Amino acid sequence: MVFDAIKTRDDITRWIRAYFDGNGPGCPAIVGLSGGKDSSVVAALCVRALGVDRVHGVLMPCGEQWDIGVSLDLVGFLGIRHSVINIKAGVDSVFAAIRDGGLEPDRQAIVNTPARIRMATLYAVSAILGGRVANTCNLSEDWVGYATKFGDGAGDFSPLSRLTVSEVRAVGRELGLPAKFVDKTPEDGLSGLSDEENLGFTYDVLDRYIREGVCEDARTKDRIDSLHVSNLHKLVEMPYFEPSGAGAQ
């Protein structure tokens, strides 16, 4: 089936409006802006659905961010309000407290903690403005667990989580976003590597496997399958104990 980017753009626009009508009439969408395609497309969709006065962008560098200018350009292009909140002091204080507690942060903690502090920051802004936090993950990244649980994997509503990277880009073009927002090389902004370097395969390969079930390289297929299975816990409801018996309330 050929992907219809115009229909999808319009369908998501209506879906966002319906979400806010039922979950926050009149309140703003809070969107963390990285300068990448996902946050750019989500912000543009929210503007289309709600209007510029009901979208608030939040830029969250961790110290110096070499490409923060892209996010600032997006804010200007869309005409939305924004805040720049540097999270470095918060990240440093958490790691200092951990070391005071006798533990040394490993690579996983160093990469994931800033993402969780960013999400806490978005919810603080949301509380101040009475808004709803946008999740900006896409299907390709979710499929292989390329998101931080309770970090960028969290949010109140998720416009792109059923669209692959190639589909997100197509929607972005139909929104009229300039190429620098849609085609910018995706990276996490924390590890110094591109997303594809971190994953070990391209999004084109991953997207084709998701949509068509075709992956010509057996080792890549095995890696995708392994990542998908091992990261499913990020996408399902938290397991909980269900008491039984006459005394259960």
Protein backbone atom coordinates (compact mmCIF):
# COMPACT_ATOMS: atom_id res chain seq x y z
CA MET A 1 0.00 0.00 0.00
CA VAL A 2 1.34 3.42 -0.99
CA PHE A 3 1.66 5.78 1.96
CA ASP A 4 -0.63 8.81 1.63
CA ALA A 5 1.19 11.61 3.42
CA ILE A 6 -1.50 14.24 2.79
CA LYS A 7 -4.29 12.07 4.22
CA THR A 8 -2.11 11.11 7.17
CA ARG A 9 -1.28 14.76 7.85
CA ASP A 10 -4.96 15.65 7.86
CA ASP A 11 -5.95 12.61 9.93
CA ILE A 12 -3.35 13.39 12.61
CA THR A 13 -4.45 17.02 12.69
CA ARG A 14 -8.04 15.95 13.40
CA TRP A 15 -6.82 13.39 15.95
CA ILE A 16 -4.84 16.04 17.89
CA ARG A 17 -7.86 18.35 17.94
CA ALA A 18 -10.06 15.52 19.20
CA TYR A 19 -7.52 14.61 21.89
CA PHE A 20 -7.41 18.16 23.24
CA ASP A 21 -11.18 18.57 23.01
CA GLY A 22 -11.51 15.58 25.32
CA ASN A 23 -8.43 15.97 27.50
CA GLY A 24 -7.64 19.66 27.77
CA PRO A 25 -9.94 22.09 25.96
CA GLY A 26 -8.08 25.34 25.44
CA CYS A 27 -4.80 24.14 26.95
CA PRO A 28 -1.45 24.23 25.09
CA ALA A 29 0.65 21.44 23.64
CA ILE A 30 4.11 21.28 25.23
CA VAL A 31 6.72 20.04 22.73
CA GLY A 32 10.37 19.36 23.49
CA LEU A 33 12.32 20.60 20.48
CA SER A 34 15.60 18.97 19.49
CA GLY A 35 15.83 20.34 15.96
CA GLY A 36 15.22 16.85 14.56
CA LYS A 37 12.46 15.70 12.24
CA ASP A 38 10.19 14.14 14.88
CA SER A 39 9.88 17.11 17.23
CA SER A 40 9.69 19.47 14.25
CA VAL A 41 6.85 17.52 12.65
CA VAL A 42 4.98 17.15 15.95
CA ALA A 43 5.26 20.88 16.63
CA ALA A 44 4.06 21.72 13.12
CA LEU A 45 1.13 19.30 13.44
CA CYS A 46 0.14 20.85 16.78
CA VAL A 47 0.26 24.33 15.26
CA ARG A 48 -1.94 23.12 12.41
CA ALA A 49 -4.39 21.50 14.82
CA LEU A 50 -4.45 24.05 17.64
CA GLY A 51 -2.96 27.30 16.35
CA VAL A 52 0.30 29.05 17.20
CA ASP A 53 -0.99 30.41 20.52
CA ARG A 54 -1.54 26.91 21.89
CA VAL A 55 1.89 25.39 21.19
CA HIS A 56 4.87 25.96 23.48
CA GLY A 57 8.29 24.69 22.46
CA VAL A 58 10.90 23.75 25.06
CA LEU A 59 14.57 23.66 24.12
CA MET A 60 16.67 21.69 26.61
CA PRO A 61 20.40 21.77 25.86
CA CYS A 62 22.69 19.90 28.23
CA GLY A 63 25.48 22.46 28.39
CA GLU A 64 26.55 23.55 24.91
CA GLN A 65 24.44 22.20 22.03
CA TRP A 66 26.09 22.81 18.66
CA ASP A 67 22.86 22.53 16.65
CA ILE A 68 20.49 24.45 18.95
CA GLY A 69 20.19 27.04 16.21
CA VAL A 70 18.06 24.59 14.22
CA SER A 71 15.50 24.46 17.03
CA LEU A 72 15.51 28.25 17.30
CA ASP A 73 14.97 28.48 13.54
CA LEU A 74 11.99 26.11 13.87
CA VAL A 75 10.47 28.25 16.61
CA GLY A 76 10.81 31.28 14.35
CA PHE A 77 9.44 29.44 11.32
CA LEU A 78 6.36 28.22 13.19
CA GLY A 79 5.90 31.45 15.17
CA ILE A 80 5.42 29.68 18.51
CA ARG A 81 6.34 30.68 22.05
CA HIS A 82 9.30 28.86 23.55
CA SER A 83 11.56 28.44 26.57
CA VAL A 84 15.25 27.55 26.64
CA ILE A 85 16.04 25.52 29.76
CA ASN A 86 19.58 24.23 30.15
CA ILE A 87 19.49 20.94 32.06
CA LYS A 88 23.23 20.55 32.64
CA ALA A 89 23.20 21.76 36.26
CA GLY A 90 20.37 19.33 37.04
CA VAL A 91 22.14 16.42 35.38
CA ASP A 92 25.41 17.22 37.13
CA SER A 93 23.71 17.47 40.52
CA VAL A 94 22.01 14.08 40.10
CA PHE A 95 25.30 12.40 39.18
CA ALA A 96 27.09 14.15 42.06
CA ALA A 97 24.45 12.87 44.48
CA ILE A 98 24.80 9.35 43.06
CA ARG A 99 28.56 9.49 43.58
CA ASP A 100 28.00 10.77 47.12
CA GLY A 101 25.86 7.67 47.60
CA GLY A 102 28.81 5.46 46.71
CA LEU A 103 27.91 4.60 43.11
CA GLU A 104 29.59 5.54 39.85
CA PRO A 105 27.26 6.26 36.89
CA ASP A 106 27.89 3.89 33.98
CA ARG A 107 27.39 4.62 30.27
CA GLN A 108 23.71 3.61 30.37
CA ALA A 109 22.98 5.97 33.22
CA ILE A 110 24.97 8.78 31.60
CA VAL A 111 22.99 8.46 28.34
CA ASN A 112 19.51 7.88 29.81
CA THR A 113 19.44 10.23 32.80
CA PRO A 114 19.47 13.47 30.76
CA ALA A 115 16.51 12.18 28.72
CA ARG A 116 14.56 11.56 31.93
CA ILE A 117 15.46 14.98 33.31
CA ARG A 118 14.26 16.49 30.05
CA MET A 119 10.92 14.74 30.45
CA ALA A 120 10.66 15.95 34.06
CA THR A 121 11.38 19.44 32.75
CA LEU A 122 8.63 19.16 30.13
CA TYR A 123 6.14 18.12 32.79
CA ALA A 124 7.22 21.03 35.00
CA VAL A 125 6.56 23.42 32.11
CA SER A 126 3.28 21.62 31.45
CA ALA A 127 2.25 22.09 35.08
CA ILE A 128 3.08 25.79 34.95
CA LEU A 129 1.20 26.38 31.69
CA GLY A 130 -1.57 23.83 32.24
CA GLY A 131 -0.62 21.93 29.11
CA ARG A 132 -0.26 18.43 27.71
CA VAL A 133 3.15 16.96 26.85
CA ALA A 134 3.68 15.64 23.32
CA ASN A 135 5.51 12.36 22.83
CA THR A 136 7.67 12.69 19.71
CA CYS A 137 8.75 9.06 19.16
CA ASN A 138 8.19 7.31 15.84
CA LEU A 139 7.45 3.67 15.04
CA SER A 140 10.94 2.89 13.73
CA GLU A 141 12.66 3.97 16.93
CA ASP A 142 10.02 2.38 19.15
CA TRP A 143 10.33 -0.89 17.21
CA VAL A 144 13.95 -1.34 18.26
CA GLY A 145 13.69 0.38 21.64
CA TYR A 146 15.60 3.49 20.59
CA ALA A 147 13.94 5.62 23.25
CA THR A 148 14.45 6.09 26.96
CA LYS A 149 11.76 4.61 29.17
CA PHE A 150 10.15 7.44 31.17
CA GLY A 151 12.31 9.83 29.12
CA ASP A 152 11.56 10.64 25.49
CA GLY A 153 9.36 7.52 25.50
CA ALA A 154 6.84 9.28 27.79
CA GLY A 155 4.17 11.88 27.10
CA ASP A 156 0.44 12.53 27.16
CA PHE A 157 -0.31 12.07 23.46
CA SER A 158 1.70 10.53 20.63
CA PRO A 159 1.05 11.70 17.05
CA LEU A 160 3.87 9.78 15.32
CA SER A 161 4.25 6.49 17.17
CA ARG A 162 2.63 4.50 14.36
CA LEU A 163 4.64 6.13 11.56
CA THR A 164 8.06 5.03 10.33
CA VAL A 165 10.91 7.49 9.83
CA SER A 166 10.31 7.69 6.08
CA GLU A 167 6.60 8.33 6.71
CA VAL A 168 7.33 11.05 9.27
CA ARG A 169 9.57 12.78 6.73
CA ALA A 170 6.84 12.55 4.09
CA VAL A 171 4.31 14.14 6.45
CA GLY A 172 6.84 16.86 7.30
CA ARG A 173 7.19 17.77 3.65
CA GLU A 174 3.40 18.00 3.29
CA LEU A 175 3.36 20.34 6.28
CA GLY A 176 5.64 22.66 4.33
CA LEU A 177 8.61 22.28 6.64
CA PRO A 178 11.97 23.23 5.09
CA ALA A 179 14.36 20.36 4.34
CA LYS A 180 16.73 21.29 7.18
CA PHE A 181 14.05 20.28 9.69
CA VAL A 182 12.86 17.15 7.88
CA ASP A 183 16.12 15.70 6.53
CA LYS A 184 18.55 16.61 9.32
CA THR A 185 20.70 13.62 10.28
CA PRO A 186 19.01 12.17 13.39
CA GLU A 187 21.08 11.92 16.56
CA ASP A 188 20.37 11.69 20.27
CA GLY A 189 22.39 14.80 21.16
CA LEU A 190 24.02 12.93 24.04
CA SER A 191 26.29 10.16 22.74
CA GLY A 192 27.97 12.09 19.92
CA LEU A 193 26.79 9.53 17.36
CA SER A 194 24.01 9.55 14.80
CA ASP A 195 21.00 7.33 15.44
CA GLU A 196 21.99 5.01 12.60
CA GLU A 197 25.53 4.71 13.97
CA ASN A 198 24.12 3.78 17.37
CA LEU A 199 21.73 1.24 15.86
CA GLY A 200 24.12 -0.34 13.36
CA PHE A 201 21.72 -0.12 10.41
CA THR A 202 19.89 2.53 8.42
CA TYR A 203 16.31 3.66 8.92
CA ASP A 204 15.57 2.78 5.29
CA VAL A 205 16.47 -0.84 6.02
CA LEU A 206 14.49 -0.82 9.27
CA ASP A 207 11.43 0.84 7.72
CA ARG A 208 11.31 -1.68 4.88
CA TYR A 209 11.52 -4.55 7.35
CA ILE A 210 8.70 -3.09 9.47
CA ARG A 211 6.37 -2.43 6.53
CA GLU A 212 7.28 -5.23 4.12
CA GLY A 213 8.96 -7.86 6.30
CA VAL A 214 12.01 -7.76 4.02
CA CYS A 215 15.59 -7.50 5.27
CA GLU A 216 18.18 -8.88 2.88
CA ASP A 217 21.04 -9.04 5.38
CA ALA A 218 20.53 -11.90 7.84
CA ARG A 219 22.72 -10.39 10.55
CA THR A 220 20.85 -7.09 10.41
CA LYS A 221 17.52 -8.93 10.54
CA ASP A 222 18.66 -10.83 13.62
CA ARG A 223 19.80 -7.61 15.30
CA ILE A 224 16.48 -5.87 14.59
CA ASP A 225 14.53 -8.86 15.89
CA SER A 226 16.67 -9.06 19.01
CA LEU A 227 16.31 -5.35 19.77
CA HIS A 228 12.56 -5.52 19.20
CA VAL A 229 12.02 -8.40 21.61
CA SER A 230 14.36 -7.13 24.32
CA ASN A 231 12.79 -3.65 24.31
CA LEU A 232 9.09 -4.55 24.25
CA HIS A 233 8.87 -3.71 27.96
CA LYS A 234 9.13 -0.03 26.98
CA LEU A 235 5.86 -0.20 25.02
CA VAL A 236 3.54 -2.30 27.17
CA GLU A 237 1.62 -1.46 30.31
CA MET A 238 3.57 -1.93 33.53
CA PRO A 239 2.98 -5.45 34.89
CA TYR A 240 0.98 -5.43 38.10
CA PHE A 241 -0.08 -8.02 40.66
CA GLU A 242 -3.81 -8.81 40.62
CA PRO A 243 -4.97 -10.09 44.03
CA SER A 244 -7.53 -12.88 44.09
CA GLY A 245 -9.77 -14.44 46.69
CA ALA A 246 -12.74 -13.36 48.75
CA GLY A 247 -10.70 -10.89 50.80
CA ALA A 248 -9.41 -8.91 47.84
CA GLN A 249 -10.72 -5.37 47.46
